[in-house]
Protein backbone atom coordinates (compact mmCIF):
# COMPACT_ATOMS: atom_id res chain seq x y z
CA UNK A 1 -51.80 -8.66 44.50
CA UNK A 2 -49.42 -10.97 46.44
CA UNK A 3 -47.09 -13.44 44.41
CA UNK A 4 -46.80 -17.19 44.92
CA UNK A 5 -43.72 -19.38 43.74
CA UNK A 6 -44.60 -22.91 43.91
CA UNK A 7 -41.56 -25.31 44.12
CA UNK A 8 -42.36 -28.80 42.51
CA UNK A 9 -41.16 -31.40 40.56
CA UNK A 10 -44.44 -32.72 39.33
CA UNK A 11 -45.97 -30.78 36.38
CA UNK A 12 -49.39 -32.06 37.39
CA UNK A 13 -48.92 -30.63 40.88
CA UNK A 14 -47.62 -27.47 39.82
CA UNK A 15 -50.18 -26.71 37.04
CA UNK A 16 -53.08 -27.75 39.72
CA UNK A 17 -51.52 -25.01 42.19
CA UNK A 18 -51.63 -22.56 39.82
CA UNK A 19 -54.88 -23.01 38.45
CA UNK A 20 -56.47 -22.47 41.89
CA UNK A 21 -54.52 -19.97 43.40
CA UNK A 22 -54.90 -17.78 40.20
CA UNK A 23 -58.77 -17.92 40.58
CA UNK A 24 -58.10 -16.83 44.14
CA UNK A 25 -56.68 -14.06 42.40
CA UNK A 26 -52.88 -14.43 43.56
CA UNK A 27 -49.95 -14.20 41.00
CA UNK A 28 -48.11 -17.54 40.42
CA UNK A 29 -44.91 -18.50 39.30
CA UNK A 30 -43.57 -22.21 38.58
CA UNK A 31 -40.32 -23.73 39.28
CA UNK A 32 -39.32 -27.25 38.64
CA UNK A 33 -36.74 -28.10 40.76
CA UNK A 34 -34.41 -26.26 43.44
CA UNK A 35 -32.14 -24.99 40.57
CA UNK A 36 -35.11 -23.21 38.85
CA UNK A 37 -36.21 -21.94 42.76
CA UNK A 38 -33.06 -20.37 43.24
CA UNK A 39 -33.25 -18.82 39.69
CA UNK A 40 -36.45 -17.50 40.78
CA UNK A 41 -35.54 -16.05 43.44
CA UNK A 42 -32.99 -14.23 42.13
CA UNK A 43 -34.91 -12.67 39.59
CA UNK A 44 -37.70 -11.52 42.38
CA UNK A 45 -38.43 -12.48 45.92
CA UNK A 46 -42.09 -13.74 46.05
CA UNK A 47 -44.37 -13.22 48.75
CA UNK A 48 -44.80 -16.38 49.72
CA UNK A 49 -43.33 -20.32 48.52
CA UNK A 50 -44.60 -23.10 48.89
CA UNK A 51 -41.63 -25.90 48.60
CA UNK A 52 -41.67 -29.24 47.97
CA UNK A 53 -39.37 -31.45 50.25
CA UNK A 54 -38.38 -34.19 47.87
CA UNK A 55 -36.68 -33.15 44.41
CA UNK A 56 -34.05 -34.94 41.95
CA UNK A 57 -31.37 -31.82 42.17
CA UNK A 58 -31.62 -30.35 45.85
CA UNK A 59 -34.16 -31.35 48.84
CA UNK A 60 -36.35 -28.69 50.03
CA UNK A 61 -35.42 -28.83 53.38
CA UNK A 62 -31.74 -28.08 52.40
CA UNK A 63 -32.70 -25.25 49.99
CA UNK A 64 -34.83 -23.66 53.06
CA UNK A 65 -31.42 -24.02 55.00
CA UNK A 66 -29.50 -22.20 52.38
CA UNK A 67 -31.86 -19.16 52.21
CA UNK A 68 -31.85 -18.86 56.03
CA UNK A 69 -28.06 -18.74 55.95
CA UNK A 70 -28.19 -16.33 53.23
CA UNK A 71 -30.48 -13.91 55.09
CA UNK A 72 -33.14 -13.89 52.23
CA UNK A 73 -35.77 -16.01 54.28
CA UNK A 74 -37.49 -12.54 54.06
CA UNK A 75 -41.05 -14.70 52.99
CA UNK A 76 -43.16 -17.11 54.38
CA UNK A 77 -42.42 -20.50 53.26
CA UNK A 78 -45.07 -23.77 53.35
CA UNK A 79 -43.13 -27.19 52.99
CA UNK A 80 -45.10 -30.13 51.03
CA UNK A 81 -44.21 -33.83 50.72
CA UNK A 82 -46.07 -36.96 50.09
CA UNK A 83 -43.90 -38.74 52.09
CA UNK A 84 -43.50 -36.77 55.21
CA UNK A 85 -42.32 -37.85 58.95
CA UNK A 86 -42.75 -35.86 61.89
CA UNK A 87 -39.04 -35.36 62.29
CA UNK A 88 -38.83 -33.68 58.73
CA UNK A 89 -41.70 -31.18 59.85
CA UNK A 90 -40.55 -30.35 63.22
CA UNK A 91 -36.67 -29.93 61.39
CA UNK A 92 -38.25 -27.24 58.52
CA UNK A 93 -40.40 -25.56 61.08
CA UNK A 94 -37.20 -24.93 63.40
CA UNK A 95 -35.33 -23.73 60.27
CA UNK A 96 -38.26 -20.94 59.55
CA UNK A 97 -40.83 -22.67 57.49
CA UNK A 98 -44.36 -21.19 58.13
CA UNK A 99 -46.04 -24.65 58.26
CA UNK A 100 -45.97 -28.14 56.43
CA UNK A 101 -48.70 -29.54 54.26
CA UNK A 102 -48.72 -33.28 53.60
CA UNK A 103 -49.94 -34.37 50.07
CA UNK A 104 -52.34 -34.56 48.48
CA UNK A 105 -53.55 -31.32 50.13
CA UNK A 106 -56.88 -30.43 50.17
CA UNK A 107 -58.23 -27.26 48.32
CA UNK A 108 -59.54 -25.80 51.90
CA UNK A 109 -56.44 -26.37 53.51
CA UNK A 110 -53.99 -25.10 50.82
CA UNK A 111 -56.17 -21.61 50.83
CA UNK A 112 -56.08 -21.58 54.32
CA UNK A 113 -52.29 -22.35 54.58
CA UNK A 114 -51.82 -19.53 51.92
CA UNK A 115 -54.09 -17.02 53.63
CA UNK A 116 -52.59 -17.19 57.06
CA UNK A 117 -48.99 -17.29 56.05
CA UNK A 118 -49.38 -14.18 53.87
CA UNK A 119 -50.65 -12.93 56.62
CA UNK A 120 -47.85 -12.98 58.73
CA UNK A 121 -45.29 -11.29 56.40
CA UNK A 122 -42.80 -8.74 58.16
CA UNK A 123 -43.56 -5.20 57.87
CA UNK A 124 -40.31 -4.36 58.79
CA UNK A 125 -38.18 -1.56 56.91
CA UNK A 126 -35.94 -3.15 53.94
CA UNK A 127 -33.88 0.24 53.64
CA UNK A 128 -32.29 2.74 55.72
CA UNK A 129 -33.61 6.05 56.25
CA UNK A 130 -35.54 8.30 53.49
CA UNK A 131 -34.35 10.13 50.82
CA UNK A 132 -35.65 13.82 52.00
CA UNK A 133 -32.01 15.28 51.63
CA UNK A 134 -32.53 14.68 47.95
CA UNK A 135 -36.13 16.30 48.08
CA UNK A 136 -39.80 15.65 48.93
CA UNK A 137 -41.04 16.03 45.85
CA UNK A 138 -42.95 13.51 43.04
CA UNK A 139 -39.90 13.01 41.41
CA UNK A 140 -38.14 11.94 44.43
CA UNK A 141 -41.18 10.11 45.22
CA UNK A 142 -40.87 8.46 41.59
CA UNK A 143 -37.33 7.63 42.61
CA UNK A 144 -38.02 6.18 45.62
CA UNK A 145 -40.34 3.62 44.30
CA UNK A 146 -38.23 2.98 41.34
CA UNK A 147 -35.28 1.92 44.38
CA UNK A 148 -38.10 0.15 46.29
CA UNK A 149 -38.65 -1.79 43.03
CA UNK A 150 -35.14 -3.02 42.73
CA UNK A 151 -34.74 -3.88 46.32
CA UNK A 152 -37.75 -6.15 45.94
CA UNK A 153 -36.32 -7.95 43.07
CA UNK A 154 -33.05 -8.74 44.78
CA UNK A 155 -31.33 -7.61 41.78
CA UNK A 156 -27.90 -5.26 41.78
CA UNK A 157 -28.78 -1.58 41.09
CA UNK A 158 -26.94 0.62 38.61
CA UNK A 159 -27.75 4.69 39.57
CA UNK A 160 -27.12 6.67 36.26
CA UNK A 161 -27.10 10.47 36.65
CA UNK A 162 -25.20 13.51 36.84
CA UNK A 163 -22.17 14.33 38.97
CA UNK A 164 -23.83 15.36 42.59
CA UNK A 165 -27.14 14.29 41.44
CA UNK A 166 -27.22 12.20 44.64
CA UNK A 167 -26.21 8.48 43.79
CA UNK A 168 -24.36 8.12 47.12
CA UNK A 169 -27.61 9.23 49.14
CA UNK A 170 -29.60 6.72 46.95
CA UNK A 171 -27.08 3.94 47.96
CA UNK A 172 -27.20 4.56 51.27
CA UNK A 173 -30.99 4.29 51.05
CA UNK A 174 -30.88 0.99 49.63
CA UNK A 175 -28.40 -0.21 52.08
CA UNK A 176 -30.63 -2.97 54.63
CA UNK A 177 -31.52 -1.62 58.43
CA UNK A 178 -27.95 -1.77 60.39
CA UNK A 179 -26.36 -3.20 57.68
CA UNK A 180 -22.60 -2.45 56.78
CA UNK A 181 -22.32 0.21 53.90
CA UNK A 182 -18.98 -0.10 52.31
CA UNK A 183 -18.11 2.34 49.84
CA UNK A 184 -15.46 0.11 47.01
CA UNK A 185 -13.68 3.45 46.00
CA UNK A 186 -10.54 1.63 45.42
CA UNK A 187 -10.89 -0.09 41.82
CA UNK A 188 -7.71 -2.56 42.85
CA UNK A 189 -9.65 -4.13 45.15
CA UNK A 190 -12.54 -5.08 43.21
CA UNK A 191 -10.10 -7.16 40.80
CA UNK A 192 -7.95 -8.42 43.84
CA UNK A 193 -10.12 -9.06 46.56
CA UNK A 194 -13.70 -9.58 45.61
CA UNK A 195 -14.54 -12.06 48.09
CA UNK A 196 -13.14 -10.12 51.04
CA UNK A 197 -15.32 -6.84 49.95
CA UNK A 198 -18.38 -9.36 50.30
CA UNK A 199 -17.07 -10.64 53.75
CA UNK A 200 -17.01 -7.37 54.92
CA UNK A 201 -20.45 -6.26 53.93
CA UNK A 202 -22.14 -9.57 54.69
CA UNK A 203 -25.53 -8.45 55.00
CA UNK A 204 -25.52 -4.79 54.21
CA UNK A 205 -24.50 -2.91 50.78
CA UNK A 206 -21.42 -2.64 48.62
CA UNK A 207 -21.46 0.86 46.66
CA UNK A 208 -19.29 1.27 43.53
CA UNK A 209 -19.28 5.06 42.92
CA UNK A 210 -17.86 4.96 39.22
CA UNK A 211 -18.20 2.42 36.80
CA UNK A 212 -16.61 4.11 34.20
CA UNK A 213 -12.87 4.11 35.69
CA UNK A 214 -12.58 0.39 35.98
CA UNK A 215 -10.52 -1.76 33.64
CA UNK A 216 -11.50 -5.00 32.44
CA UNK A 217 -9.70 -6.75 34.96
CA UNK A 218 -11.92 -4.73 37.98
CA UNK A 219 -14.81 -5.41 35.86
CA UNK A 220 -14.61 -8.92 35.91
CA UNK A 221 -14.29 -8.69 40.00
CA UNK A 222 -16.99 -6.99 40.16
CA UNK A 223 -19.09 -9.34 38.16
CA UNK A 224 -17.77 -12.12 40.06
CA UNK A 225 -19.04 -9.87 43.07
CA UNK A 226 -22.41 -9.48 42.21
CA UNK A 227 -22.45 -13.38 40.87
CA UNK A 228 -21.93 -14.49 44.38
CA UNK A 229 -23.45 -11.51 46.58
CA UNK A 230 -26.42 -13.85 47.53
CA UNK A 231 -24.43 -15.96 49.56
CA UNK A 232 -23.20 -13.13 51.81
CA UNK A 233 -26.56 -11.62 51.80
CA UNK A 234 -25.09 -8.28 50.26
CA UNK A 235 -26.81 -5.79 48.16
CA UNK A 236 -24.46 -4.10 45.69
CA UNK A 237 -25.28 -0.47 43.86
CA UNK A 238 -22.82 1.07 41.17
CA UNK A 239 -22.82 4.31 39.86
CA UNK A 240 -22.39 5.99 36.32
CA UNK A 241 -22.74 8.96 34.72
CA UNK A 242 -23.21 7.50 31.61
CA UNK A 243 -26.19 4.78 30.72
CA UNK A 244 -24.88 1.34 30.52
CA UNK A 245 -25.59 1.05 26.87
CA UNK A 246 -23.71 3.91 25.91
CA UNK A 247 -20.86 2.44 27.84
CA UNK A 248 -21.28 -1.01 26.41
CA UNK A 249 -21.44 0.63 22.72
CA UNK A 250 -18.31 2.90 23.76
CA UNK A 251 -16.19 -0.74 24.80
CA UNK A 252 -16.28 0.82 28.40
CA UNK A 253 -18.15 -1.63 29.69
CA UNK A 254 -18.14 -5.60 29.85
CA UNK A 255 -21.23 -7.57 28.03
CA UNK A 256 -20.90 -9.57 31.26
CA UNK A 257 -21.42 -6.49 33.43
CA UNK A 258 -23.83 -4.75 31.21
CA UNK A 259 -26.38 -7.79 31.62
CA UNK A 260 -26.09 -7.82 35.49
CA UNK A 261 -26.73 -4.28 36.04
CA UNK A 262 -29.00 -3.11 33.09
CA UNK A 263 -31.90 -4.70 34.58
CA UNK A 264 -32.25 -2.37 37.42
CA UNK A 265 -30.91 0.70 36.14
CA UNK A 266 -32.66 3.34 37.50
CA UNK A 267 -31.65 7.09 36.36
CA UNK A 268 -30.95 9.73 38.91
CA UNK A 269 -32.77 13.05 38.21
CA UNK A 270 -30.31 16.09 38.45
CA UNK A 271 -31.44 19.34 40.43
CA UNK A 272 -32.82 21.19 37.41
CA UNK A 273 -35.23 18.43 37.03
CA UNK A 274 -37.09 19.10 40.52
CA UNK A 275 -36.99 22.52 40.86
CA UNK A 276 -39.42 22.62 43.59
CA UNK A 277 -37.36 20.96 45.91
CA UNK A 278 -34.37 23.51 45.72
CA UNK A 279 -36.09 25.91 48.09
CA UNK A 280 -36.35 23.68 50.95
CA UNK A 281 -33.12 21.68 50.28
CA UNK A 282 -31.15 25.09 50.39
CA UNK A 283 -33.21 26.24 53.69
CA UNK A 284 -31.84 23.34 55.18
CA UNK A 285 -28.52 23.37 54.13
CA UNK A 286 -28.23 27.06 54.88
CA UNK A 287 -29.31 25.99 58.55
CA UNK A 288 -26.79 23.03 58.90
CA UNK A 289 -23.98 25.44 57.74
CA UNK A 290 -25.27 28.27 60.06
CA UNK A 291 -25.17 25.52 63.22
CA UNK A 292 -21.85 24.59 62.07
CA UNK A 293 -20.50 27.50 62.53
CA UNK A 294 -22.57 28.27 65.68
CA UNK A 295 -24.20 31.55 64.50
CA UNK A 296 -27.86 32.68 63.89
CA UNK A 297 -29.69 30.90 60.90
CA UNK A 298 -30.88 32.67 57.84
CA UNK A 299 -33.69 32.62 56.20
CA UNK A 300 -34.38 33.19 52.39
CA UNK A 301 -37.07 35.86 51.10
CA UNK A 302 -39.68 34.62 48.16
CA UNK A 303 -37.62 36.45 45.70
CA UNK A 304 -34.36 34.71 47.01
CA UNK A 305 -36.10 31.22 46.39
CA UNK A 306 -37.49 31.71 43.13
CA UNK A 307 -33.61 32.92 41.99
CA UNK A 308 -32.62 29.24 43.74
CA UNK A 309 -35.07 27.65 41.41
CA UNK A 310 -34.54 29.10 38.37
CA UNK A 311 -30.93 28.73 38.29
CA UNK A 312 -29.46 25.28 36.62
CA UNK A 313 -27.65 23.89 38.98
CA UNK A 314 -24.85 22.38 36.84
CA UNK A 315 -23.18 20.73 40.11
CA UNK A 316 -26.07 19.89 41.28
CA UNK A 317 -25.68 19.30 45.15
CA UNK A 318 -22.21 20.08 45.84
CA UNK A 319 -22.96 23.67 43.92
CA UNK A 320 -26.15 23.99 46.11
CA UNK A 321 -24.25 23.13 49.22
CA UNK A 322 -20.98 25.41 48.47
CA UNK A 323 -24.04 28.33 47.79
CA UNK A 324 -25.45 27.53 51.03
CA UNK A 325 -21.81 27.54 52.87
CA UNK A 326 -21.07 31.30 51.54
CA UNK A 327 -24.24 32.50 52.48
CA UNK A 328 -23.63 31.33 56.01
CA UNK A 329 -20.40 33.06 56.32
CA UNK A 330 -21.79 36.52 54.85
CA UNK A 331 -23.43 36.27 58.59
CA UNK A 332 -25.93 38.40 60.03
CA UNK A 333 -29.46 37.76 60.46
CA UNK A 334 -30.82 39.53 57.81
CA UNK A 335 -32.96 37.47 54.91
CA UNK A 336 -31.39 36.39 51.73
CA UNK A 337 -32.43 38.56 49.05
CA UNK A 338 -32.50 37.67 45.61
CA UNK A 339 -29.28 39.98 44.63
CA UNK A 340 -26.95 38.22 47.04
CA UNK A 341 -28.06 34.54 45.81
CA UNK A 342 -27.88 35.96 41.72
CA UNK A 343 -24.25 37.45 42.98
CA UNK A 344 -22.81 34.38 44.50
CA UNK A 345 -23.97 32.28 41.58
CA UNK A 346 -22.82 34.54 39.09
CA UNK A 347 -19.08 34.26 40.54
CA UNK A 348 -18.65 30.78 38.83
CA UNK A 349 -19.80 27.34 38.89
CA UNK A 350 -20.06 25.48 42.09
CA UNK A 351 -17.53 26.42 44.67
CA UNK A 352 -14.84 27.35 41.85
CA UNK A 353 -11.29 28.04 43.34
CA UNK A 354 -11.60 31.78 43.69
CA UNK A 355 -13.27 31.67 47.29
CA UNK A 356 -10.82 30.65 49.71
CA UNK A 357 -10.87 27.59 52.25
CA UNK A 358 -12.95 29.72 54.39
CA UNK A 359 -15.65 28.87 52.03
CA UNK A 360 -15.35 25.34 52.94
CA UNK A 361 -15.77 25.81 56.71
CA UNK A 362 -18.97 24.83 56.87
CA UNK A 363 -18.61 21.42 55.44
CA UNK A 364 -17.72 17.97 56.97
CA UNK A 365 -13.88 17.10 56.27
CA UNK A 366 -14.90 14.59 53.23
CA UNK A 367 -16.56 17.08 51.27
CA UNK A 368 -14.49 19.92 52.33
CA UNK A 369 -11.62 17.09 50.60
CA UNK A 370 -13.56 16.84 47.53
CA UNK A 371 -14.13 20.37 47.03
CA UNK A 372 -10.47 21.28 47.71
CA UNK A 373 -9.18 18.44 45.10
CA UNK A 374 -11.59 19.55 42.99
CA UNK A 375 -10.67 23.39 43.05
CA UNK A 376 -6.76 22.38 42.68
CA UNK A 377 -6.84 20.32 39.99
CA UNK A 378 -9.58 22.07 38.08
CA UNK A 379 -6.76 25.04 38.36
CA UNK A 380 -3.73 22.79 37.40
CA UNK A 381 -5.53 21.37 34.19
CA UNK A 382 -6.43 25.03 33.39
CA UNK A 383 -2.45 25.99 33.76
CA UNK A 384 -1.33 23.00 31.69
CA UNK A 385 -3.84 23.82 29.36
CA UNK A 386 -5.89 20.38 30.32
CA UNK A 387 -2.86 18.37 29.19
CA UNK A 388 -3.36 15.43 31.33
CA UNK A 389 0.42 13.79 31.39
CA UNK A 390 1.84 17.48 31.89
CA UNK A 391 -0.71 18.02 34.69
CA UNK A 392 -0.44 14.68 36.56
CA UNK A 393 3.36 15.48 36.67
CA UNK A 394 3.60 18.67 38.58
CA UNK A 395 0.60 17.48 40.61
CA UNK A 396 2.95 14.71 41.71
CA UNK A 397 0.23 12.10 40.86
CA UNK A 398 0.42 9.11 38.47
CA UNK A 399 -1.46 9.78 35.08
CA UNK A 400 -4.04 6.70 35.67
CA UNK A 401 -4.98 7.95 39.31
CA UNK A 402 -5.00 11.39 37.63
CA UNK A 403 -7.79 10.25 35.05
CA UNK A 404 -9.85 8.55 38.07
CA UNK A 405 -9.91 11.60 40.08
CA UNK A 406 -11.18 13.76 37.22
CA UNK A 407 -14.00 11.44 36.39
CA UNK A 408 -14.55 10.98 40.05
CA UNK A 409 -14.83 14.28 40.73
CA UNK A 410 -16.96 15.26 37.35
CA UNK A 411 -14.28 17.80 36.34
CA UNK A 412 -14.53 18.51 32.50
CA UNK A 413 -12.61 20.96 30.25
CA UNK A 414 -14.10 24.30 29.48
CA UNK A 415 -16.69 24.14 26.30
CA UNK A 416 -17.35 20.32 26.79
CA UNK A 417 -20.88 19.42 26.45
CA UNK A 418 -21.95 17.19 29.61
C-alpha cells in the first residue's frame, strides 16, 4: 500500500485530501507546515508528497530545493498552490517536481495525478549488493527485510550482535549504490571532526564498529553527526555487542544517543542461529582460500557438513574462516571428512594462537592482521593473568588503547560468560 504525505497549512484541505485518498486505499500522513514536513521525512520517506507552495514558515519550492540538494528527492513530489504562476510551475518542475496542481483541485484530477506520479517511482536499488556472504536461509532473509525497512524509514541503524556475526557486512550492504563506505574506527575523530566525517562520506554511509568504546565526548560527536546526516545525504550505522537499553542502564550510553539509535535496532544473528547456512558458507570460504593458494578446491562430505552444522561457532564467521584456511592449507584433493573438521575444531576456539602464521596466509591482510592481534593479545593477557595494566605495559600500548582493542576484537577472559 502506497503512503502519501500531504503538506498544507490549511487544515480543511489536509483533512479533505486525507479522506479522498484513504477512500482509494492509500495510507496518508499529514504535515501542517515545512517544519512538520521535515520531521515526517526524517521519520519515514513516503512514496509520494503533495506539497503546498505557500506556507507560513518555508515555501514549498524552497523545501523541494532543500530535499534535492540533500539527495533526498527519492519520491515524486506534486506541488499545489491557489496562487500559481507559470514561473513557479516551471521552477518547481526544473527542481524535480513531478507535476503542479492549482487549487481548488478537482477530485478526478487529484486521483489521476497521484496515480501517474506513483507509477513513475524509480525501481533502482537503494542498497549495495546482497547479504549472501552471511547466508541464504530464512534468518538472513528476515534480516534483509529489517535492514531494508530501516533504509526506507531513513533512520540511523544500530546493529546488535556477537563479535564476528557480520555487522560490517551488513553495513556495507546498507551503503547506497556507488556511495562511499567510511569506517569510523578512530573514536577521537567522532569527538573532534564529526562534520568532516560527514563531508568525506557525502552520499554514502558512516559505520561506527563499536559503540561501547566511545567516551562521553565521542558519543556527543556521534549524536551531532547523526543529527546532521540529512544535510550530507549520509546513512549512519553503528554496531554493538550489547543491546542499547542495557548500555543505557549500565551508564555506558548517553540518553541522547540511545534515543537516536533505538528506533532501528537490528539484531545480527549468530552463526549457530542459522545452521542451515553453515555448509554453504564453509564451502565458499574453502574455495576462496584454495584459490588464493593456487591449489585445487576441496569438497566436504555429507558427514563433514553435519559436523559443521553441529558446532556452536562461538567466534562466528571469524572462526569459520580460520577453519577454512586450515583445511585449504592441509592440501590434497581428497574430500574433507568429518574427522578432519572435528580435529581442527577441537584444537581451540577460532584461530587461537597455536597454529602459526602459515594458518593466516589464506586471508586478506586486514583479516590476517586482526587475527594476529587477537592471538597476540590473548597470549599476552594470559601471561599477565589478565591484568590489563601489566599487559598494556608489556605490549607497549596505552591502557585505554588496549581496552579498545580487547573490545574490538571480542577478547574475553577464560570462563567469562558472553
